[in-house]
Amino acid sequence: MKHFWMSLVGSVAGVLIGVVLIGVFLVLMVSGLIASAVQNAQTEADRSLPSSGIVLELDLRLPRMDQPSRSPFAFSQPLAVIDLVDALERARADARVSGVFVRANEFAMSPGQAEEIRGALNAFTRSGKFIVIHAQGFEGAGIMNYFAVAGTGELWLQPTSSFSAVGLATETLFLGGLFEQFGARAEFVFFFYYK
């Protein structure tokens, strides 16, 4: 009976070790195939690019994250803002790139993203390369979408496009007389005085 249990445990251990080794081999083989395909695609792309006169296209109409996603399935998402800024820096230093064509966002954009994109586009323009911006119009709740692309190059709008040049504003709620009607008294706490 002892011999039976020893051969059963040995067989199970051998099968498990074999499965693990086959799994590792398959993972390494698939990783090698993917790396080879990526390297081949990059080599093909480098060979097919002209030596000068490249115009890049940048589409700001899609929502972007600030940092790249860590998900392995995020390859179809647009470039994150940090990657976009990095790509514009590399394009600015690349002698083959002549300019950038930008499709501007027509609706609201976060102020942080707008400032980062504006800085990268301004640095690209200062390098002597051109930027052409196209927009269907600038609508929405704020001017951050216009702020991101303004002052960097030519701005093309459709003849029937709408543009509302609203500025940054704030409002203060005024409740004069309301508290007196209910016999209430407002109490305000000041942390510090300003002006």
N, C-alpha and C. Protein backbone atom coordinates (compact mmCIF):
# COMPACT_ATOMS: atom_id res chain seq x y z
N MET A 1 0.82 -1.20 0.00
CA MET A 1 0.00 0.00 0.00
C MET A 1 0.86 1.26 0.00
N LYS A 2 1.97 1.16 0.71
CA LYS A 2 2.88 2.31 0.77
C LYS A 2 3.41 2.64 -0.62
N HIS A 3 3.73 1.61 -1.39
CA HIS A 3 4.23 1.81 -2.74
C HIS A 3 3.18 2.51 -3.63
N PHE A 4 1.90 2.17 -3.45
CA PHE A 4 0.82 2.80 -4.21
C PHE A 4 0.75 4.30 -3.92
N TRP A 5 0.79 4.68 -2.64
CA TRP A 5 0.69 6.10 -2.30
C TRP A 5 1.89 6.88 -2.79
N MET A 6 3.05 6.28 -2.73
CA MET A 6 4.24 6.98 -3.22
C MET A 6 4.17 7.21 -4.72
N SER A 7 3.72 6.22 -5.47
CA SER A 7 3.61 6.43 -6.91
C SER A 7 2.48 7.38 -7.26
N LEU A 8 1.40 7.40 -6.49
CA LEU A 8 0.31 8.35 -6.75
C LEU A 8 0.77 9.79 -6.49
N VAL A 9 1.43 10.03 -5.37
CA VAL A 9 1.93 11.37 -5.05
C VAL A 9 2.98 11.79 -6.06
N GLY A 10 3.86 10.87 -6.45
CA GLY A 10 4.87 11.20 -7.47
C GLY A 10 4.26 11.53 -8.81
N SER A 11 3.21 10.80 -9.19
CA SER A 11 2.53 11.07 -10.47
C SER A 11 1.85 12.44 -10.44
N VAL A 12 1.16 12.73 -9.34
CA VAL A 12 0.47 14.03 -9.23
C VAL A 12 1.49 15.16 -9.23
N ALA A 13 2.59 15.00 -8.49
CA ALA A 13 3.63 16.04 -8.46
C ALA A 13 4.24 16.21 -9.85
N GLY A 14 4.48 15.11 -10.56
CA GLY A 14 5.03 15.21 -11.91
C GLY A 14 4.09 15.93 -12.86
N VAL A 15 2.80 15.64 -12.76
CA VAL A 15 1.82 16.32 -13.62
C VAL A 15 1.78 17.82 -13.30
N LEU A 16 1.77 18.16 -12.01
CA LEU A 16 1.74 19.58 -11.63
C LEU A 16 2.98 20.31 -12.10
N ILE A 17 4.14 19.72 -11.93
CA ILE A 17 5.37 20.35 -12.40
C ILE A 17 5.36 20.49 -13.92
N GLY A 18 4.85 19.50 -14.61
CA GLY A 18 4.75 19.58 -16.07
C GLY A 18 3.82 20.69 -16.52
N VAL A 19 2.67 20.83 -15.84
CA VAL A 19 1.72 21.90 -16.18
C VAL A 19 2.36 23.26 -15.96
N VAL A 20 3.07 23.43 -14.84
CA VAL A 20 3.72 24.71 -14.55
C VAL A 20 4.78 25.02 -15.60
N LEU A 21 5.59 24.02 -15.96
CA LEU A 21 6.63 24.25 -16.96
C LEU A 21 6.03 24.58 -18.33
N ILE A 22 4.97 23.89 -18.71
CA ILE A 22 4.31 24.19 -20.00
C ILE A 22 3.71 25.60 -19.96
N GLY A 23 3.11 25.97 -18.81
CA GLY A 23 2.54 27.32 -18.68
C GLY A 23 3.60 28.40 -18.82
N VAL A 24 4.73 28.21 -18.14
CA VAL A 24 5.83 29.17 -18.25
C VAL A 24 6.35 29.24 -19.67
N PHE A 25 6.50 28.09 -20.31
CA PHE A 25 6.96 28.06 -21.69
C PHE A 25 6.00 28.79 -22.62
N LEU A 26 4.70 28.58 -22.45
CA LEU A 26 3.72 29.26 -23.29
C LEU A 26 3.74 30.77 -23.07
N VAL A 27 3.85 31.19 -21.82
CA VAL A 27 3.91 32.63 -21.53
C VAL A 27 5.14 33.26 -22.17
N LEU A 28 6.28 32.61 -22.03
CA LEU A 28 7.50 33.13 -22.65
C LEU A 28 7.40 33.16 -24.17
N MET A 29 6.80 32.13 -24.75
CA MET A 29 6.66 32.08 -26.21
C MET A 29 5.73 33.18 -26.71
N VAL A 30 4.59 33.38 -26.04
CA VAL A 30 3.66 34.44 -26.45
C VAL A 30 4.30 35.81 -26.26
N SER A 31 5.01 36.01 -25.15
CA SER A 31 5.69 37.29 -24.92
C SER A 31 6.73 37.56 -25.99
N GLY A 32 7.48 36.53 -26.38
CA GLY A 32 8.47 36.69 -27.44
C GLY A 32 7.84 37.03 -28.77
N LEU A 33 6.71 36.41 -29.08
CA LEU A 33 6.01 36.72 -30.34
C LEU A 33 5.49 38.16 -30.34
N ILE A 34 4.95 38.59 -29.22
CA ILE A 34 4.43 39.97 -29.13
C ILE A 34 5.58 40.96 -29.25
N ALA A 35 6.68 40.72 -28.55
CA ALA A 35 7.82 41.63 -28.61
C ALA A 35 8.40 41.68 -30.02
N SER A 36 8.46 40.55 -30.67
CA SER A 36 8.96 40.51 -32.04
C SER A 36 8.05 41.29 -32.99
N ALA A 37 6.73 41.13 -32.81
CA ALA A 37 5.78 41.85 -33.66
C ALA A 37 5.87 43.35 -33.44
N VAL A 38 6.01 43.77 -32.18
CA VAL A 38 6.12 45.21 -31.88
C VAL A 38 7.40 45.78 -32.47
N GLN A 39 8.50 45.07 -32.31
CA GLN A 39 9.77 45.54 -32.85
C GLN A 39 9.72 45.61 -34.37
N ASN A 40 9.10 44.63 -34.99
CA ASN A 40 8.96 44.62 -36.45
C ASN A 40 8.08 45.78 -36.92
N ALA A 41 6.99 46.03 -36.18
CA ALA A 41 6.10 47.14 -36.55
C ALA A 41 6.82 48.47 -36.41
N GLN A 42 7.62 48.65 -35.36
CA GLN A 42 8.35 49.91 -35.19
C GLN A 42 9.39 50.08 -36.29
N THR A 43 10.05 49.01 -36.66
CA THR A 43 11.04 49.08 -37.73
C THR A 43 10.37 49.44 -39.04
N GLU A 44 9.21 48.82 -39.32
CA GLU A 44 8.47 49.12 -40.54
C GLU A 44 8.00 50.57 -40.54
N ALA A 45 7.53 51.05 -39.39
CA ALA A 45 7.05 52.43 -39.31
C ALA A 45 8.20 53.41 -39.52
N ASP A 46 9.37 53.12 -38.97
CA ASP A 46 10.51 54.01 -39.15
C ASP A 46 10.97 54.04 -40.60
N ARG A 47 10.90 52.90 -41.27
CA ARG A 47 11.32 52.86 -42.66
C ARG A 47 10.33 53.58 -43.58
N SER A 48 9.04 53.55 -43.21
CA SER A 48 8.04 54.12 -44.09
C SER A 48 7.84 55.61 -43.90
N LEU A 49 8.43 56.21 -42.85
CA LEU A 49 8.27 57.63 -42.62
C LEU A 49 9.19 58.43 -43.54
N PRO A 50 8.68 59.54 -44.08
CA PRO A 50 9.56 60.37 -44.90
C PRO A 50 10.62 61.06 -44.04
N SER A 51 11.65 61.55 -44.71
CA SER A 51 12.76 62.17 -43.98
C SER A 51 12.45 63.60 -43.55
N SER A 52 11.39 64.21 -44.09
CA SER A 52 10.99 65.55 -43.68
C SER A 52 9.55 65.80 -44.09
N GLY A 53 8.98 66.87 -43.56
CA GLY A 53 7.64 67.29 -43.95
C GLY A 53 6.51 66.54 -43.27
N ILE A 54 6.76 65.93 -42.12
CA ILE A 54 5.72 65.19 -41.41
C ILE A 54 4.85 66.19 -40.65
N VAL A 55 3.52 66.03 -40.78
CA VAL A 55 2.55 66.84 -40.03
C VAL A 55 1.77 65.88 -39.14
N LEU A 56 1.87 66.09 -37.85
CA LEU A 56 1.18 65.23 -36.89
C LEU A 56 -0.26 65.71 -36.70
N GLU A 57 -1.15 64.78 -36.35
CA GLU A 57 -2.53 65.12 -36.05
C GLU A 57 -2.80 64.84 -34.58
N LEU A 58 -3.41 65.81 -33.92
CA LEU A 58 -3.72 65.70 -32.50
C LEU A 58 -5.21 65.96 -32.32
N ASP A 59 -5.94 64.97 -31.83
CA ASP A 59 -7.38 65.08 -31.64
C ASP A 59 -7.66 65.28 -30.15
N LEU A 60 -8.07 66.49 -29.78
CA LEU A 60 -8.38 66.81 -28.39
C LEU A 60 -9.85 66.62 -28.05
N ARG A 61 -10.64 66.11 -29.00
CA ARG A 61 -12.08 65.98 -28.78
C ARG A 61 -12.43 64.81 -27.86
N LEU A 62 -11.52 63.88 -27.70
CA LEU A 62 -11.80 62.72 -26.86
C LEU A 62 -11.41 63.01 -25.41
N PRO A 63 -12.16 62.50 -24.46
CA PRO A 63 -11.78 62.72 -23.06
C PRO A 63 -10.48 61.98 -22.75
N ARG A 64 -9.64 62.62 -21.97
CA ARG A 64 -8.32 62.06 -21.65
C ARG A 64 -8.13 61.97 -20.15
N MET A 65 -7.35 61.00 -19.77
CA MET A 65 -6.94 60.89 -18.37
C MET A 65 -5.65 61.68 -18.19
N ASP A 66 -5.36 62.06 -16.96
CA ASP A 66 -4.12 62.79 -16.70
C ASP A 66 -2.90 61.90 -16.83
N GLN A 67 -3.01 60.67 -16.35
CA GLN A 67 -1.92 59.71 -16.42
C GLN A 67 -2.39 58.47 -17.18
N PRO A 68 -1.45 57.74 -17.75
CA PRO A 68 -1.85 56.54 -18.49
C PRO A 68 -2.47 55.49 -17.57
N SER A 69 -3.39 54.74 -18.13
CA SER A 69 -4.04 53.67 -17.38
C SER A 69 -3.09 52.50 -17.21
N ARG A 70 -3.20 51.80 -16.11
CA ARG A 70 -2.36 50.63 -15.87
C ARG A 70 -3.02 49.35 -16.36
N SER A 71 -4.22 49.47 -16.88
CA SER A 71 -4.93 48.29 -17.37
C SER A 71 -4.28 47.79 -18.65
N PRO A 72 -4.12 46.48 -18.80
CA PRO A 72 -3.54 45.97 -20.04
C PRO A 72 -4.50 46.08 -21.22
N PHE A 73 -5.76 46.39 -20.95
CA PHE A 73 -6.76 46.51 -22.01
C PHE A 73 -7.02 47.96 -22.39
N ALA A 74 -6.17 48.90 -21.98
CA ALA A 74 -6.36 50.33 -22.23
C ALA A 74 -5.66 50.79 -23.49
N PHE A 75 -5.27 49.87 -24.37
CA PHE A 75 -4.53 50.26 -25.56
C PHE A 75 -5.38 51.05 -26.55
N SER A 76 -6.70 50.98 -26.46
CA SER A 76 -7.55 51.71 -27.39
C SER A 76 -7.92 53.10 -26.89
N GLN A 77 -7.51 53.44 -25.67
CA GLN A 77 -7.81 54.76 -25.13
C GLN A 77 -6.87 55.80 -25.73
N PRO A 78 -7.33 57.06 -25.83
CA PRO A 78 -6.42 58.10 -26.34
C PRO A 78 -5.26 58.32 -25.37
N LEU A 79 -4.23 58.97 -25.88
CA LEU A 79 -3.06 59.25 -25.05
C LEU A 79 -3.46 60.04 -23.82
N ALA A 80 -2.86 59.72 -22.71
CA ALA A 80 -3.06 60.51 -21.50
C ALA A 80 -2.36 61.85 -21.69
N VAL A 81 -2.74 62.83 -20.88
CA VAL A 81 -2.19 64.18 -21.04
C VAL A 81 -0.67 64.17 -20.87
N ILE A 82 -0.16 63.41 -19.93
CA ILE A 82 1.29 63.39 -19.71
C ILE A 82 2.00 62.77 -20.92
N ASP A 83 1.40 61.75 -21.55
CA ASP A 83 1.99 61.15 -22.75
C ASP A 83 1.88 62.10 -23.94
N LEU A 84 0.78 62.84 -24.02
CA LEU A 84 0.60 63.80 -25.10
C LEU A 84 1.66 64.91 -25.03
N VAL A 85 1.91 65.41 -23.83
CA VAL A 85 2.93 66.45 -23.64
C VAL A 85 4.31 65.89 -24.01
N ASP A 86 4.57 64.66 -23.61
CA ASP A 86 5.85 64.03 -23.94
C ASP A 86 6.00 63.83 -25.45
N ALA A 87 4.92 63.43 -26.12
CA ALA A 87 4.97 63.24 -27.57
C ALA A 87 5.22 64.57 -28.29
N LEU A 88 4.61 65.65 -27.81
CA LEU A 88 4.86 66.96 -28.42
C LEU A 88 6.29 67.42 -28.19
N GLU A 89 6.86 67.09 -27.04
CA GLU A 89 8.27 67.41 -26.78
C GLU A 89 9.19 66.65 -27.75
N ARG A 90 8.91 65.37 -27.96
CA ARG A 90 9.72 64.59 -28.90
C ARG A 90 9.55 65.11 -30.32
N ALA A 91 8.32 65.50 -30.70
CA ALA A 91 8.08 66.03 -32.04
C ALA A 91 8.78 67.37 -32.23
N ARG A 92 8.85 68.15 -31.17
CA ARG A 92 9.53 69.46 -31.26
C ARG A 92 11.01 69.27 -31.56
N ALA A 93 11.61 68.23 -31.02
CA ALA A 93 13.03 67.98 -31.23
C ALA A 93 13.31 67.19 -32.51
N ASP A 94 12.28 66.61 -33.11
CA ASP A 94 12.46 65.78 -34.31
C ASP A 94 12.49 66.68 -35.54
N ALA A 95 13.56 66.61 -36.30
CA ALA A 95 13.71 67.46 -37.49
C ALA A 95 12.77 67.04 -38.62
N ARG A 96 12.27 65.82 -38.59
CA ARG A 96 11.36 65.35 -39.64
C ARG A 96 9.97 65.95 -39.52
N VAL A 97 9.59 66.40 -38.31
CA VAL A 97 8.25 66.94 -38.06
C VAL A 97 8.23 68.42 -38.40
N SER A 98 7.29 68.81 -39.28
CA SER A 98 7.16 70.22 -39.68
C SER A 98 6.10 70.96 -38.88
N GLY A 99 5.05 70.25 -38.46
CA GLY A 99 3.96 70.93 -37.75
C GLY A 99 2.96 69.95 -37.18
N VAL A 100 1.91 70.54 -36.59
CA VAL A 100 0.85 69.75 -35.96
C VAL A 100 -0.49 70.32 -36.38
N PHE A 101 -1.41 69.42 -36.72
CA PHE A 101 -2.80 69.78 -36.99
C PHE A 101 -3.62 69.33 -35.79
N VAL A 102 -4.31 70.28 -35.13
CA VAL A 102 -5.03 69.99 -33.90
C VAL A 102 -6.53 70.11 -34.14
N ARG A 103 -7.25 69.08 -33.76
CA ARG A 103 -8.72 69.15 -33.73
C ARG A 103 -9.11 69.50 -32.30
N ALA A 104 -9.59 70.73 -32.12
CA ALA A 104 -9.84 71.26 -30.77
C ALA A 104 -11.11 70.69 -30.17
N ASN A 105 -11.11 70.63 -28.85
CA ASN A 105 -12.27 70.21 -28.09
C ASN A 105 -13.29 71.34 -28.10
N GLU A 106 -14.54 71.02 -28.40
CA GLU A 106 -15.56 72.06 -28.48
C GLU A 106 -16.25 72.32 -27.16
N PHE A 107 -16.14 71.41 -26.23
CA PHE A 107 -16.86 71.55 -24.97
C PHE A 107 -15.87 71.70 -23.82
N ALA A 108 -16.34 71.62 -22.62
CA ALA A 108 -15.51 71.93 -21.46
C ALA A 108 -14.34 70.95 -21.31
N MET A 109 -13.24 71.49 -20.82
CA MET A 109 -12.03 70.72 -20.54
C MET A 109 -11.55 71.14 -19.16
N SER A 110 -10.93 70.25 -18.44
CA SER A 110 -10.49 70.61 -17.09
C SER A 110 -9.36 71.65 -17.18
N PRO A 111 -9.30 72.58 -16.23
CA PRO A 111 -8.27 73.63 -16.28
C PRO A 111 -6.85 73.08 -16.24
N GLY A 112 -6.61 72.03 -15.47
CA GLY A 112 -5.27 71.45 -15.40
C GLY A 112 -4.82 70.89 -16.74
N GLN A 113 -5.71 70.15 -17.40
CA GLN A 113 -5.38 69.59 -18.70
C GLN A 113 -5.18 70.70 -19.73
N ALA A 114 -6.04 71.71 -19.69
CA ALA A 114 -5.93 72.82 -20.64
C ALA A 114 -4.59 73.54 -20.48
N GLU A 115 -4.15 73.74 -19.26
CA GLU A 115 -2.88 74.44 -19.03
C GLU A 115 -1.69 73.61 -19.51
N GLU A 116 -1.72 72.29 -19.25
CA GLU A 116 -0.63 71.42 -19.70
C GLU A 116 -0.55 71.37 -21.22
N ILE A 117 -1.69 71.23 -21.87
CA ILE A 117 -1.72 71.16 -23.33
C ILE A 117 -1.29 72.49 -23.93
N ARG A 118 -1.76 73.58 -23.35
CA ARG A 118 -1.38 74.91 -23.85
C ARG A 118 0.14 75.11 -23.75
N GLY A 119 0.73 74.74 -22.63
CA GLY A 119 2.17 74.89 -22.47
C GLY A 119 2.96 74.06 -23.48
N ALA A 120 2.50 72.84 -23.74
CA ALA A 120 3.19 71.98 -24.71
C ALA A 120 3.05 72.53 -26.12
N LEU A 121 1.87 73.03 -26.46
CA LEU A 121 1.67 73.60 -27.80
C LEU A 121 2.47 74.89 -27.97
N ASN A 122 2.54 75.72 -26.94
CA ASN A 122 3.33 76.95 -27.02
C ASN A 122 4.82 76.64 -27.19
N ALA A 123 5.32 75.64 -26.48
CA ALA A 123 6.73 75.25 -26.63
C ALA A 123 6.99 74.73 -28.04
N PHE A 124 6.03 74.00 -28.60
CA PHE A 124 6.17 73.50 -29.96
C PHE A 124 6.23 74.66 -30.95
N THR A 125 5.38 75.67 -30.75
CA THR A 125 5.35 76.84 -31.64
C THR A 125 6.65 77.63 -31.53
N ARG A 126 7.19 77.78 -30.33
CA ARG A 126 8.43 78.53 -30.14
C ARG A 126 9.61 77.87 -30.85
N SER A 127 9.50 76.60 -31.18
CA SER A 127 10.59 75.92 -31.88
C SER A 127 10.61 76.27 -33.37
N GLY A 128 9.64 77.06 -33.82
CA GLY A 128 9.62 77.49 -35.22
C GLY A 128 8.75 76.63 -36.11
N LYS A 129 8.05 75.67 -35.55
CA LYS A 129 7.18 74.80 -36.33
C LYS A 129 5.76 75.31 -36.23
N PHE A 130 4.95 74.99 -37.24
CA PHE A 130 3.60 75.55 -37.29
C PHE A 130 2.58 74.65 -36.59
N ILE A 131 1.49 75.29 -36.16
CA ILE A 131 0.33 74.58 -35.60
C ILE A 131 -0.91 75.17 -36.24
N VAL A 132 -1.77 74.32 -36.76
CA VAL A 132 -3.06 74.73 -37.30
C VAL A 132 -4.13 74.06 -36.45
N ILE A 133 -5.07 74.85 -35.97
CA ILE A 133 -6.11 74.36 -35.08
C ILE A 133 -7.45 74.46 -35.79
N HIS A 134 -8.22 73.40 -35.74
CA HIS A 134 -9.56 73.38 -36.33
C HIS A 134 -10.57 73.07 -35.24
N ALA A 135 -11.68 73.81 -35.23
CA ALA A 135 -12.74 73.56 -34.25
C ALA A 135 -14.09 73.79 -34.91
N GLN A 136 -15.08 73.02 -34.48
CA GLN A 136 -16.44 73.22 -34.94
C GLN A 136 -17.08 74.42 -34.24
N GLY A 137 -16.49 74.87 -33.19
CA GLY A 137 -16.99 75.99 -32.41
C GLY A 137 -16.54 75.80 -30.97
N PHE A 138 -16.71 76.82 -30.17
CA PHE A 138 -16.37 76.71 -28.76
C PHE A 138 -17.62 77.01 -27.96
N GLU A 139 -18.20 75.96 -27.42
CA GLU A 139 -19.43 76.08 -26.64
C GLU A 139 -19.18 75.52 -25.27
N GLY A 140 -20.16 75.52 -24.46
CA GLY A 140 -20.04 74.88 -23.16
C GLY A 140 -19.95 75.87 -22.03
N ALA A 141 -19.61 75.33 -20.87
CA ALA A 141 -19.68 76.11 -19.65
C ALA A 141 -18.46 76.98 -19.39
N GLY A 142 -17.38 76.76 -20.08
CA GLY A 142 -16.18 77.53 -19.78
C GLY A 142 -15.35 77.80 -21.01
N ILE A 143 -14.23 78.45 -20.78
CA ILE A 143 -13.35 78.80 -21.89
C ILE A 143 -12.06 77.99 -21.88
N MET A 144 -12.00 76.96 -21.05
CA MET A 144 -10.77 76.18 -20.96
C MET A 144 -10.44 75.47 -22.28
N ASN A 145 -11.45 75.05 -23.03
CA ASN A 145 -11.19 74.41 -24.32
C ASN A 145 -10.55 75.40 -25.29
N TYR A 146 -10.97 76.66 -25.25
CA TYR A 146 -10.36 77.69 -26.09
C TYR A 146 -8.97 78.07 -25.54
N PHE A 147 -8.85 78.13 -24.23
CA PHE A 147 -7.58 78.48 -23.59
C PHE A 147 -6.48 77.49 -23.97
N ALA A 148 -6.84 76.21 -24.11
CA ALA A 148 -5.85 75.18 -24.41
C ALA A 148 -5.17 75.40 -25.75
N VAL A 149 -5.87 75.98 -26.72
CA VAL A 149 -5.32 76.10 -28.07
C VAL A 149 -5.09 77.53 -28.53
N ALA A 150 -5.54 78.51 -27.76
CA ALA A 150 -5.42 79.90 -28.19
C ALA A 150 -3.97 80.36 -28.14
N GLY A 151 -3.59 81.16 -29.09
CA GLY A 151 -2.26 81.76 -29.10
C GLY A 151 -1.16 80.85 -29.58
N THR A 152 -1.49 79.74 -30.19
CA THR A 152 -0.44 78.81 -30.62
C THR A 152 -0.27 78.76 -32.13
N GLY A 153 -1.17 79.30 -32.88
CA GLY A 153 -1.06 79.23 -34.34
C GLY A 153 -2.34 79.70 -34.98
N GLU A 154 -2.61 79.20 -36.17
CA GLU A 154 -3.84 79.56 -36.86
C GLU A 154 -5.00 78.79 -36.25
N LEU A 155 -6.14 79.48 -36.13
CA LEU A 155 -7.34 78.86 -35.60
C LEU A 155 -8.42 78.92 -36.67
N TRP A 156 -8.83 77.77 -37.16
CA TRP A 156 -9.85 77.69 -38.20
C TRP A 156 -11.17 77.28 -37.57
N LEU A 157 -12.22 78.06 -37.85
CA LEU A 157 -13.57 77.75 -37.40
C LEU A 157 -14.49 77.64 -38.61
N GLN A 158 -15.53 76.85 -38.47
CA GLN A 158 -16.54 76.78 -39.52
C GLN A 158 -17.26 78.12 -39.61
N PRO A 159 -17.75 78.52 -40.81
CA PRO A 159 -18.45 79.80 -40.93
C PRO A 159 -19.68 79.89 -40.04
N THR A 160 -20.34 78.79 -39.77
CA THR A 160 -21.55 78.82 -38.95
C THR A 160 -21.30 78.40 -37.51
N SER A 161 -20.05 78.36 -37.11
CA SER A 161 -19.75 77.89 -35.76
C SER A 161 -20.09 78.94 -34.72
N SER A 162 -20.31 78.47 -33.52
CA SER A 162 -20.63 79.40 -32.44
C SER A 162 -19.40 79.56 -31.54
N PHE A 163 -19.25 80.76 -31.03
CA PHE A 163 -18.15 81.05 -30.15
C PHE A 163 -18.66 82.00 -29.09
N SER A 164 -18.65 81.54 -27.86
CA SER A 164 -19.08 82.42 -26.78
C SER A 164 -17.86 82.74 -25.93
N ALA A 165 -17.44 83.99 -26.00
CA ALA A 165 -16.24 84.43 -25.28
C ALA A 165 -16.62 84.84 -23.87
N VAL A 166 -16.85 83.85 -23.06
CA VAL A 166 -17.17 84.13 -21.66
C VAL A 166 -15.88 84.10 -20.86
N GLY A 167 -15.85 84.89 -19.83
CA GLY A 167 -14.66 84.92 -18.99
C GLY A 167 -14.86 84.12 -17.72
N LEU A 168 -13.84 84.09 -16.92
CA LEU A 168 -13.96 83.44 -15.64
C LEU A 168 -14.74 84.36 -14.71
N ALA A 169 -15.67 83.81 -13.97
CA ALA A 169 -16.52 84.64 -13.12
C ALA A 169 -16.85 83.90 -11.84
N THR A 170 -17.28 84.66 -10.87
CA THR A 170 -17.78 84.08 -9.63
C THR A 170 -18.99 84.89 -9.19
N GLU A 171 -19.85 84.28 -8.44
CA GLU A 171 -21.05 84.96 -7.96
C GLU A 171 -21.14 84.79 -6.46
N THR A 172 -21.71 85.79 -5.83
CA THR A 172 -21.95 85.73 -4.40
C THR A 172 -23.44 85.78 -4.16
N LEU A 173 -23.92 84.86 -3.38
CA LEU A 173 -25.34 84.80 -3.09
C LEU A 173 -25.70 85.96 -2.16
N PHE A 174 -26.69 86.77 -2.55
CA PHE A 174 -27.11 87.93 -1.76
C PHE A 174 -28.49 87.65 -1.18
N LEU A 175 -28.57 87.60 0.13
CA LEU A 175 -29.83 87.30 0.81
C LEU A 175 -30.29 88.49 1.64
N GLY A 176 -30.12 89.70 1.10
CA GLY A 176 -30.50 90.89 1.84
C GLY A 176 -31.98 90.92 2.17
N GLY A 177 -32.33 91.06 3.42
CA GLY A 177 -33.72 91.15 3.85
C GLY A 177 -34.36 89.81 4.14
N LEU A 178 -33.79 88.73 3.69
CA LEU A 178 -34.41 87.41 3.88
C LEU A 178 -34.37 87.01 5.36
N PHE A 179 -33.21 87.22 5.99
CA PHE A 179 -33.09 86.81 7.40
C PHE A 179 -34.01 87.63 8.30
N GLU A 180 -34.19 88.93 7.96
CA GLU A 180 -35.05 89.78 8.79
C GLU A 180 -36.50 89.34 8.73
N GLN A 181 -36.93 88.80 7.59
CA GLN A 181 -38.31 88.35 7.45
C GLN A 181 -38.61 87.18 8.39
N PHE A 182 -37.63 86.38 8.69
CA PHE A 182 -37.84 85.23 9.55
C PHE A 182 -37.33 85.47 10.98
N GLY A 183 -36.81 86.64 11.22
CA GLY A 183 -36.31 86.96 12.56
C GLY A 183 -35.00 86.26 12.87
N ALA A 184 -34.25 85.91 11.87
CA ALA A 184 -32.98 85.22 12.07
C ALA A 184 -31.83 86.20 11.94
N ARG A 185 -30.72 85.84 12.53
CA ARG A 185 -29.54 86.68 12.43
C ARG A 185 -28.38 85.82 11.92
N ALA A 186 -27.69 86.29 10.90
CA ALA A 186 -26.57 85.53 10.34
C ALA A 186 -25.31 85.76 11.16
N GLU A 187 -24.55 84.70 11.34
CA GLU A 187 -23.28 84.80 12.03
C GLU A 187 -22.18 84.37 11.06
N PHE A 188 -21.19 85.23 10.89
CA PHE A 188 -20.08 84.95 9.98
C PHE A 188 -18.80 84.83 10.77
N VAL A 189 -17.99 83.89 10.42
CA VAL A 189 -16.71 83.70 11.08
C VAL A 189 -15.63 84.00 10.05
N PHE A 190 -14.77 84.98 10.37
CA PHE A 190 -13.68 85.36 9.46
C PHE A 190 -12.39 84.71 9.95
N PHE A 191 -11.70 84.03 9.07
CA PHE A 191 -10.40 83.48 9.43
C PHE A 191 -9.32 84.55 9.32
N PHE A 192 -9.44 85.40 8.32
CA PHE A 192 -8.50 86.50 8.13
C PHE A 192 -9.19 87.57 7.30
N TYR A 193 -8.70 88.78 7.38
CA TYR A 193 -9.26 89.88 6.61
C TYR A 193 -8.46 90.06 5.35
N TYR A 194 -9.16 90.32 4.28
CA TYR A 194 -8.51 90.55 2.99
C TYR A 194 -9.03 91.87 2.45
N LYS A 195 -8.13 92.77 2.16
CA LYS A 195 -8.43 94.10 1.63
C LYS A 195 -9.42 94.80 2.55
